C-alpha cells in the first residue's frame, strides 16, 4: 500500500520575542500568573508587515531544503491557518507563488489549533488516492493580529510562527512497521462555538474581529477529547501507549499537556514541550514542536510519533506516524 512518508521538516519564528515581563508592562499580569496558568514564558510576534504567507514560505523552504527537494518536485500544498493574509485567495497560493511552483495545486484548511492535523490527514488522503506524490503540509499563524491586547486572559497565550512537513508517497507493506502516516482521526462538535471563537468575519461584522475564549471550559473539554482521540488512534492500529516513542501535542497550555499525558500513562520525558518559549501558535504549534525535536535529535528515524491537537469549533484530531 501507499504510505505518506515524512521526508523533510522546517520551521520559522519571527525575530521579535515578547516576554512575560514585557506583557506585564502592557496589561495587568505578572510572569508568575502566566507561568502558573499556562507554562508560557515568552512568545514570538510577527513584525509589522510580516504576513502569514511570509512565515509559511520560510518554513516551507526550510522543509524542502531538509528533504533535499525543490518546488518542481511538489504536487500539493495544504496550508492550515486561521489567520490568512486575505479573505481570498488562499494563503497557500501565495506560498505556491513564492516557491516558484507552477504545477500542482494549493489550498488552505481552517480548523484553528487542530488545523495542522486536519491538513496532514488531507494531504495523506490525496497521496493514498494517487492524486499527489509529494506534498508540503504547513501550519502558519499570525495570531497576534486577532488578539485583544487589553484582555489579559488571552493576549498572554497566543503567538506567531510556522512549521512545515514534506510528505512523499512510498510503498509500504500495510503494517505498523511501515514508515509514514499509519492512521489519522478527525473530530468536530459545533455545539461549543461560544467557548472559543473570533467575534468577527466577512459575513457577520465585515471586520476581522478579536479572539474570545472561556478558558476553564476549553481546558475541561481539551483534556477529555485529546485523551479519547489518542486512545481511538492506538486502538485503530492495535498499539498501546508504551509503544509510542514521542507524543507531540498541540502547544496550548502546559497543564492541558500534562493532564493528557497523565491520562495516557505517558512520562513527561516522552512528551515534546515547546509552549514555554513558543506560546500557543495555533495551527503552527505541532509542526514547530516537531521541527525542534527533530533538530535536536530527539525524534529519530523509525520511531513512533503521536501528534494531537484541539481547537475552536470545537475541532480535534490525531495522527500516528512512524518517522
Protein backbone atom coordinates (compact mmCIF):
# COMPACT_ATOMS: atom_id res chain seq x y z
CA UNK A 1 0.00 0.00 0.00
CA UNK A 2 0.98 3.64 -0.42
CA UNK A 3 2.23 5.42 2.69
CA UNK A 4 2.81 9.17 3.15
CA UNK A 5 6.37 9.29 4.49
CA UNK A 6 7.84 12.39 6.15
CA UNK A 7 10.99 13.29 4.23
CA UNK A 8 11.54 16.86 5.41
CA UNK A 9 10.72 19.28 8.20
CA UNK A 10 11.18 23.02 8.59
CA UNK A 11 10.07 25.95 10.71
CA UNK A 12 10.21 29.69 11.08
CA UNK A 13 9.72 32.00 14.05
CA UNK A 14 9.56 35.81 13.82
CA UNK A 15 12.54 37.64 15.27
CA UNK A 16 10.65 39.66 17.89
CA UNK A 17 10.36 37.95 21.28
CA UNK A 18 7.72 39.13 23.74
CA UNK A 19 8.45 38.06 27.31
CA UNK A 20 6.08 37.88 30.25
CA UNK A 21 7.88 40.87 31.71
CA UNK A 22 7.09 42.81 28.52
CA UNK A 23 3.43 41.85 28.81
CA UNK A 24 3.34 42.95 32.45
CA UNK A 25 4.02 46.48 31.20
CA UNK A 26 1.05 46.26 28.81
CA UNK A 27 -1.71 44.57 30.85
CA UNK A 28 -2.45 43.71 34.47
CA UNK A 29 -0.45 40.49 34.72
CA UNK A 30 2.78 39.02 36.07
CA UNK A 31 5.27 36.40 35.00
CA UNK A 32 4.16 34.18 37.89
CA UNK A 33 0.49 34.45 36.91
CA UNK A 34 1.15 33.50 33.27
CA UNK A 35 3.56 30.64 34.05
CA UNK A 36 1.27 29.13 36.69
CA UNK A 37 -1.74 29.05 34.36
CA UNK A 38 -0.09 28.20 31.05
CA UNK A 39 3.62 27.37 31.41
CA UNK A 40 4.44 30.14 28.91
CA UNK A 41 7.49 32.34 29.49
CA UNK A 42 7.90 34.01 26.10
CA UNK A 43 6.49 34.02 22.58
CA UNK A 44 7.38 35.29 19.08
CA UNK A 45 5.42 38.11 17.41
CA UNK A 46 5.44 38.91 13.69
CA UNK A 47 6.90 42.24 12.62
CA UNK A 48 4.74 44.95 11.12
CA UNK A 49 4.11 43.98 7.51
CA UNK A 50 5.22 40.37 8.07
CA UNK A 51 2.36 38.21 6.79
CA UNK A 52 1.24 34.66 7.50
CA UNK A 53 2.35 33.76 3.97
CA UNK A 54 5.85 35.11 4.72
CA UNK A 55 6.16 32.83 7.75
CA UNK A 56 4.69 29.88 5.84
CA UNK A 57 7.02 30.38 2.87
CA UNK A 58 10.14 30.36 5.05
CA UNK A 59 9.00 27.19 6.83
CA UNK A 60 8.21 25.51 3.50
CA UNK A 61 11.59 26.47 2.05
CA UNK A 62 13.35 25.07 5.12
CA UNK A 63 11.37 21.82 4.87
CA UNK A 64 12.19 21.41 1.18
CA UNK A 65 15.88 22.04 1.87
CA UNK A 66 15.78 19.48 4.67
CA UNK A 67 14.17 16.97 2.27
CA UNK A 68 16.70 17.66 -0.49
CA UNK A 69 13.88 18.57 -2.87
CA UNK A 70 12.81 21.62 -4.90
CA UNK A 71 9.46 23.20 -5.69
CA UNK A 72 9.50 21.32 -9.00
CA UNK A 73 9.05 18.09 -7.05
CA UNK A 74 5.88 19.25 -5.26
CA UNK A 75 2.34 18.38 -6.39
CA UNK A 76 0.35 19.74 -3.47
CA UNK A 77 0.42 22.39 -0.75
CA UNK A 78 -2.05 22.23 2.14
CA UNK A 79 -1.75 25.19 4.47
CA UNK A 80 -3.54 25.26 7.82
CA UNK A 81 -4.27 28.74 9.16
CA UNK A 82 -6.93 30.73 10.98
CA UNK A 83 -5.14 33.99 10.15
CA UNK A 84 -4.87 34.12 6.34
CA UNK A 85 -3.34 37.08 4.54
CA UNK A 86 -6.68 37.88 2.92
CA UNK A 87 -10.25 36.58 2.88
CA UNK A 88 -9.28 35.16 -0.52
CA UNK A 89 -7.35 33.83 -2.34
CA UNK A 90 -5.92 31.04 -0.23
CA UNK A 91 -2.68 31.88 1.54
CA UNK A 92 -1.37 28.56 0.19
CA UNK A 93 -1.47 30.05 -3.32
CA UNK A 94 0.80 32.90 -2.21
CA UNK A 95 3.22 30.31 -0.81
CA UNK A 96 3.00 28.35 -4.07
CA UNK A 97 3.95 31.51 -5.98
CA UNK A 98 6.73 32.32 -3.51
CA UNK A 99 8.24 28.88 -4.04
CA UNK A 100 8.14 29.35 -7.80
CA UNK A 101 5.81 26.35 -8.11
CA UNK A 102 3.62 26.49 -11.23
CA UNK A 103 2.30 22.94 -11.21
CA UNK A 104 0.02 21.02 -8.89
CA UNK A 105 -2.49 22.66 -6.55
CA UNK A 106 -2.63 24.54 -3.27
CA UNK A 107 -5.35 25.37 -0.77
CA UNK A 108 -5.98 26.37 2.85
CA UNK A 109 -7.57 24.35 5.67
CA UNK A 110 -9.29 26.10 8.59
CA UNK A 111 -9.64 24.10 11.80
CA UNK A 112 -7.92 26.62 14.12
CA UNK A 113 -5.49 24.86 16.51
CA UNK A 114 -6.32 21.44 15.00
CA UNK A 115 -5.56 22.79 11.55
CA UNK A 116 -2.21 21.10 11.04
CA UNK A 117 -3.65 17.68 11.94
CA UNK A 118 -6.54 18.28 9.53
CA UNK A 119 -4.09 19.39 6.81
CA UNK A 120 -1.86 16.38 7.40
CA UNK A 121 -4.82 13.99 7.13
CA UNK A 122 -5.99 15.75 3.97
CA UNK A 123 -2.60 15.53 2.27
CA UNK A 124 -2.24 11.90 3.36
CA UNK A 125 -5.53 11.01 1.71
CA UNK A 126 -4.57 12.76 -1.54
CA UNK A 127 -1.32 10.80 -1.57
CA UNK A 128 -3.01 7.47 -0.78
CA UNK A 129 -5.55 8.15 -3.55
CA UNK A 130 -2.72 8.64 -6.04
CA UNK A 131 -3.61 12.29 -6.72
CA UNK A 132 -0.31 13.62 -5.38
CA UNK A 133 3.15 12.15 -4.87
CA UNK A 134 4.86 14.92 -2.93
CA UNK A 135 3.07 17.36 -0.63
CA UNK A 136 4.05 20.23 1.65
CA UNK A 137 1.85 20.49 4.75
CA UNK A 138 2.14 23.81 6.57
CA UNK A 139 0.75 25.29 9.77
CA UNK A 140 1.22 29.06 9.90
CA UNK A 141 -0.31 31.79 12.04
CA UNK A 142 -0.10 35.47 12.91
CA UNK A 143 -2.46 35.20 15.87
CA UNK A 144 -1.12 38.46 17.30
CA UNK A 145 -3.28 40.22 14.68
CA UNK A 146 -6.56 38.93 16.15
CA UNK A 147 -5.81 39.36 19.86
CA UNK A 148 -7.42 41.87 22.17
CA UNK A 149 -4.29 43.24 23.82
CA UNK A 150 -6.38 44.53 26.71
CA UNK A 151 -7.64 41.03 27.58
CA UNK A 152 -5.04 39.51 29.86
CA UNK A 153 -6.72 36.08 29.74
CA UNK A 154 -5.99 35.63 26.02
CA UNK A 155 -3.25 38.00 24.89
CA UNK A 156 -0.68 36.26 27.10
CA UNK A 157 -1.33 32.86 25.48
CA UNK A 158 -1.14 33.17 21.71
CA UNK A 159 1.73 33.88 19.34
CA UNK A 160 3.03 33.66 15.76
CA UNK A 161 5.08 31.13 13.80
CA UNK A 162 5.08 28.49 11.08
CA UNK A 163 6.15 24.88 10.61
CA UNK A 164 6.06 22.52 7.65
CA UNK A 165 6.49 18.88 6.69
CA UNK A 166 7.22 17.37 3.29
CA UNK A 167 5.36 14.12 2.62
CA UNK A 168 6.25 11.72 -0.17
CA UNK A 169 4.47 8.63 -1.46
CA UNK A 170 6.35 5.41 -0.76
CA UNK A 171 5.40 1.74 -0.94
CA UNK A 172 4.61 0.08 2.37
CA UNK A 173 3.61 -3.40 3.49
CA UNK A 174 0.45 -2.22 5.23
CA UNK A 175 1.77 -2.98 8.73
CA UNK A 176 2.68 -0.84 11.71
CA UNK A 177 6.33 -1.32 10.80
CA UNK A 178 5.88 0.84 7.69
CA UNK A 179 7.41 4.30 7.71
CA UNK A 180 4.92 7.10 7.23
CA UNK A 181 1.48 8.06 8.45
CA UNK A 182 -0.15 4.96 9.96
CA UNK A 183 -3.56 6.45 10.82
CA UNK A 184 -5.37 9.77 11.29
CA UNK A 185 -8.54 10.62 13.21
CA UNK A 186 -10.53 13.86 13.00
CA UNK A 187 -13.49 15.15 15.02
CA UNK A 188 -15.57 18.28 15.50
CA UNK A 189 -18.52 19.42 17.61
CA UNK A 190 -20.09 22.74 16.68
CA UNK A 191 -22.16 22.95 19.87
CA UNK A 192 -19.19 24.52 21.65
CA UNK A 193 -18.73 27.52 19.35
CA UNK A 194 -19.15 30.09 22.11
CA UNK A 195 -16.29 28.72 24.21
CA UNK A 196 -13.60 29.71 21.70
CA UNK A 197 -14.21 31.94 18.69
CA UNK A 198 -13.38 35.22 16.95
CA UNK A 199 -16.13 37.84 17.15
CA UNK A 200 -15.94 38.98 13.54
CA UNK A 201 -15.84 37.93 9.90
CA UNK A 202 -16.82 38.99 6.36
CA UNK A 203 -20.40 37.69 6.57
CA UNK A 204 -21.19 38.73 10.15
CA UNK A 205 -19.47 42.00 11.06
CA UNK A 206 -17.39 42.77 7.96
CA UNK A 207 -14.41 43.05 10.32
CA UNK A 208 -11.61 40.68 11.32
CA UNK A 209 -12.75 40.51 14.95
CA UNK A 210 -10.87 39.51 18.10
CA UNK A 211 -10.35 36.17 19.80
CA UNK A 212 -12.71 35.32 22.70
CA UNK A 213 -12.32 32.33 25.00
CA UNK A 214 -13.78 30.78 28.15
CA UNK A 215 -10.53 29.20 29.29
CA UNK A 216 -11.79 26.91 32.05
CA UNK A 217 -14.38 25.27 29.79
CA UNK A 218 -11.89 24.84 26.94
CA UNK A 219 -9.43 23.23 29.37
CA UNK A 220 -12.06 20.76 30.60
CA UNK A 221 -13.04 19.64 27.10
CA UNK A 222 -9.43 19.54 25.85
CA UNK A 223 -8.12 17.03 28.38
CA UNK A 224 -11.03 14.64 27.78
CA UNK A 225 -11.16 14.97 23.98
CA UNK A 226 -7.42 14.65 23.46
CA UNK A 227 -7.09 11.60 25.69
CA UNK A 228 -10.05 9.97 23.92
CA UNK A 229 -8.72 10.58 20.41
CA UNK A 230 -5.31 9.19 21.37
CA UNK A 231 -6.95 6.01 22.68
CA UNK A 232 -9.01 5.81 19.48
CA UNK A 233 -5.86 6.15 17.41
CA UNK A 234 -3.95 3.43 19.24
CA UNK A 235 -6.95 1.10 19.09
CA UNK A 236 -7.21 1.56 15.32
CA UNK A 237 -3.72 0.13 14.80
CA UNK A 238 -3.76 -2.28 17.74
CA UNK A 239 -0.98 -0.49 19.61
CA UNK A 240 -0.54 0.58 23.22
CA UNK A 241 0.73 3.80 24.78
CA UNK A 242 4.04 2.18 25.75
CA UNK A 243 4.78 1.71 22.03
CA UNK A 244 4.76 5.48 21.46
CA UNK A 245 8.25 6.95 21.39
CA UNK A 246 7.10 10.58 21.36
CA UNK A 247 3.89 12.48 21.99
CA UNK A 248 3.90 15.82 20.14
CA UNK A 249 0.80 17.68 21.34
CA UNK A 250 -0.68 21.00 20.37
CA UNK A 251 1.20 23.51 22.50
CA UNK A 252 -1.74 25.32 24.08
CA UNK A 253 -1.13 25.05 27.77
CA UNK A 254 1.29 23.03 29.86
CA UNK A 255 -1.47 21.97 32.25
CA UNK A 256 -3.51 20.51 29.35
CA UNK A 257 -0.44 18.69 28.02
CA UNK A 258 0.42 17.31 31.47
CA UNK A 259 -3.19 16.25 32.05
CA UNK A 260 -3.38 14.41 28.73
CA UNK A 261 -0.07 12.64 29.38
CA UNK A 262 -1.28 11.51 32.82
CA UNK A 263 -4.50 10.12 31.39
CA UNK A 264 -2.42 8.07 28.92
CA UNK A 265 0.18 6.99 31.45
CA UNK A 266 2.97 8.67 29.47
CA UNK A 267 6.03 10.01 31.30
CA UNK A 268 6.93 13.64 30.67
CA UNK A 269 10.28 12.66 29.15
CA UNK A 270 8.37 11.26 26.14
CA UNK A 271 6.39 14.47 25.56
CA UNK A 272 7.74 17.26 23.37
CA UNK A 273 7.08 20.57 25.12
CA UNK A 274 7.73 23.95 23.48
CA UNK A 275 4.85 26.04 24.83
CA UNK A 276 7.18 27.70 27.35
CA UNK A 277 9.12 29.53 24.63
CA UNK A 278 6.70 29.45 21.67
CA UNK A 279 3.35 30.15 23.33
CA UNK A 280 0.22 28.88 21.58
CA UNK A 281 0.84 29.28 17.85
CA UNK A 282 -2.42 27.52 16.91
CA UNK A 283 -2.02 25.53 13.67
CA UNK A 284 1.74 26.13 13.73
CA UNK A 285 2.35 24.62 17.15
CA UNK A 286 2.59 20.92 16.25
CA UNK A 287 5.00 21.35 13.31
CA UNK A 288 7.07 23.86 15.28
CA UNK A 289 7.42 21.34 18.11
CA UNK A 290 8.26 18.61 15.61
CA UNK A 291 10.94 20.74 13.98
CA UNK A 292 12.56 21.43 17.34
CA UNK A 293 12.56 17.77 18.41
CA UNK A 294 13.92 16.65 15.03
CA UNK A 295 16.52 19.38 15.01
CA UNK A 296 17.90 18.48 18.44
CA UNK A 297 17.97 14.76 17.63
CA UNK A 298 15.19 13.54 19.93
CA UNK A 299 12.99 12.19 17.14
CA UNK A 300 14.86 9.54 15.18
CA UNK A 301 14.07 7.60 12.02
CA UNK A 302 11.91 4.55 12.76
CA UNK A 303 10.36 5.96 15.95
CA UNK A 304 6.59 6.15 16.50
CA UNK A 305 5.33 9.71 16.95
CA UNK A 306 1.81 10.63 18.01
CA UNK A 307 0.51 14.08 17.08
CA UNK A 308 -2.68 15.55 18.57
CA UNK A 309 -4.47 18.88 18.81
CA UNK A 310 -7.73 20.56 19.69
CA UNK A 311 -9.06 23.95 18.61
CA UNK A 312 -12.08 26.18 18.25
CA UNK A 313 -15.15 24.70 16.68
CA UNK A 314 -14.54 22.52 18.64
CA UNK A 315 -12.23 20.53 16.37
CA UNK A 316 -9.75 17.89 17.47
CA UNK A 317 -7.72 15.12 15.94
CA UNK A 318 -4.61 12.97 15.89
CA UNK A 319 -2.08 11.39 13.57
CA UNK A 320 0.21 8.44 14.26
CA UNK A 321 3.44 8.48 12.27
CA UNK A 322 6.44 6.19 12.05
CA UNK A 323 9.32 8.53 11.32
